[in-house]
Protein backbone atom coordinates (compact mmCIF):
# COMPACT_ATOMS: atom_id res chain seq x y z
CA MET A 1 45.65 69.96 81.23
CA ASN A 2 43.17 68.61 79.05
CA LEU A 3 42.54 67.97 75.56
CA LEU A 4 39.05 67.37 74.07
CA ILE A 5 39.22 66.15 70.51
CA ALA A 6 35.56 66.39 68.56
CA THR A 7 35.54 64.48 65.20
CA ASP A 8 33.00 63.36 62.93
CA ASN A 9 35.12 60.26 61.88
CA PHE A 10 36.17 58.16 64.83
CA PHE A 11 36.57 54.30 65.23
CA PRO A 12 34.64 51.89 64.07
CA ARG A 13 34.07 53.59 60.94
CA VAL A 14 37.91 53.48 59.40
CA ASP A 15 38.94 56.15 57.34
CA GLY A 16 41.92 58.44 56.96
CA VAL A 17 40.68 60.56 59.67
CA SER A 18 40.24 57.80 62.75
CA VAL A 19 43.54 56.02 61.99
CA MET A 20 45.25 59.68 61.87
CA LEU A 21 43.75 60.36 65.12
CA ASN A 22 44.35 56.94 66.79
CA GLU A 23 48.92 57.66 66.08
CA VAL A 24 48.16 61.07 67.01
CA ILE A 25 46.33 60.20 70.28
CA HIS A 26 48.63 57.70 71.68
CA PHE A 27 51.33 60.46 71.61
CA LEU A 28 49.00 62.93 72.76
CA LYS A 29 48.14 60.87 76.37
CA GLU A 30 51.09 60.40 77.66
CA LYS A 31 51.37 64.68 78.23
CA TYR A 32 47.31 65.14 78.35
CA LYS A 33 44.08 63.93 79.63
CA VAL A 34 42.35 63.57 76.43
CA ASP A 35 38.79 63.22 75.64
CA VAL A 36 37.16 62.45 72.47
CA ILE A 37 33.90 62.88 71.45
CA ALA A 38 32.46 61.10 67.94
CA PRO A 39 29.71 59.35 66.22
CA ASP A 40 28.18 56.29 67.46
CA PHE A 41 29.12 54.26 64.03
CA ASN A 42 27.83 50.71 63.90
CA GLY A 43 30.61 48.03 64.97
CA SER A 44 33.16 47.49 67.72
CA LYS A 45 33.63 50.65 70.11
CA GLU A 46 37.23 49.28 71.40
CA PHE A 47 40.05 51.16 69.86
CA ALA A 48 44.16 51.03 70.49
CA VAL A 49 44.20 53.12 72.46
CA ASP A 50 44.21 53.14 76.45
CA LYS A 51 42.89 55.63 78.87
CA VAL A 52 41.12 58.05 76.76
CA ASP A 53 37.15 58.97 77.49
CA VAL A 54 35.08 58.77 74.64
CA ALA A 55 31.36 59.72 73.85
CA ARG A 56 29.52 59.02 70.97
CA MET A 57 26.91 61.38 69.90
CA PRO A 58 23.75 59.27 68.29
CA LEU A 59 23.65 59.05 64.11
CA SER A 60 21.03 60.99 62.36
CA ARG A 61 18.99 59.56 59.25
CA ILE A 62 20.90 61.87 56.88
CA SER A 63 23.77 59.40 54.81
CA TYR A 64 25.54 60.56 51.96
CA GLY A 65 26.82 57.18 50.40
CA ASP A 66 28.18 55.32 53.02
CA TYR A 67 28.81 57.87 55.43
CA THR A 68 25.72 58.73 58.07
CA LEU A 69 25.80 62.53 59.31
CA ALA A 70 25.82 62.22 63.66
CA LYS A 71 22.83 64.24 65.51
CA VAL A 72 24.35 66.69 67.89
CA ASP A 73 23.64 66.20 71.96
CA LYS A 74 24.17 70.53 72.19
CA ALA A 75 24.11 69.91 76.19
CA LEU A 76 26.52 67.07 76.10
CA LEU A 77 28.77 69.00 73.79
CA LYS A 78 28.89 72.21 76.30
CA GLU A 79 29.56 69.86 79.15
CA TRP A 80 32.90 68.39 77.56
CA VAL A 81 34.14 71.79 75.84
CA LYS A 82 33.66 73.20 79.95
CA ASN A 83 35.98 70.52 80.90
CA ASN A 84 38.74 70.70 78.52
CA ASP A 85 41.28 73.43 78.65
CA VAL A 86 42.12 72.97 74.48
CA VAL A 87 39.65 71.58 72.15
CA TRP A 88 40.50 70.33 68.77
CA VAL A 89 38.16 69.80 65.78
CA HIS A 90 38.64 67.52 63.04
CA ALA A 91 36.10 67.93 60.04
CA LEU A 92 33.16 70.71 59.79
CA GLY A 93 30.21 68.38 60.28
CA PRO A 94 27.87 68.81 62.61
CA ILE A 95 29.83 67.67 65.68
CA GLY A 96 32.71 70.11 64.68
CA LYS A 97 30.71 72.70 63.44
CA GLU A 98 28.86 73.03 66.79
CA THR A 99 31.73 72.46 68.88
CA ILE A 100 33.38 75.67 67.02
CA LYS A 101 30.26 77.47 67.91
CA ILE A 102 30.28 76.39 72.07
CA CYS A 103 34.16 77.05 72.04
CA ARG A 104 33.41 80.86 70.71
CA LYS A 105 30.44 81.40 73.60
CA LEU A 106 32.54 79.83 76.09
CA LYS A 107 35.67 81.82 75.37
CA LYS A 108 37.85 78.40 74.76
CA ASN A 109 41.03 77.66 72.83
CA VAL A 110 40.00 75.93 69.68
CA ILE A 111 42.25 73.78 67.15
CA CYS A 112 40.67 73.02 63.79
CA THR A 113 42.21 70.91 61.13
CA VAL A 114 39.97 69.72 58.24
CA HIS A 115 40.42 66.60 56.25
CA THR A 116 40.19 67.25 52.42
CA MET A 117 41.09 65.96 48.92
CA ASP A 118 41.63 67.97 46.31
């Protein structure tokens, strides 16, 4: 089974979401083929998990504090969604929101985890 993780937070940006995903991917990749779509944040693109394909979305000009939103390449995102059996979205930023829309159109299984602080 192929699993796509679509996230608006991932290395090289270090935050709770990227650290959690790094830990979870270690276990998931033993049983599933795992792909990740994430923003193209500045810094080293290497992270601790091997055997995982990562597609990077360019950053937009819109920033909130130290966080810059991704500019979604809808065609690329659609291809990655098509090539996976299950999609796991983390957060409802530009990548997450568009991924859910595409999953609905393609009738793909989608799981959504929203990381928030109350």
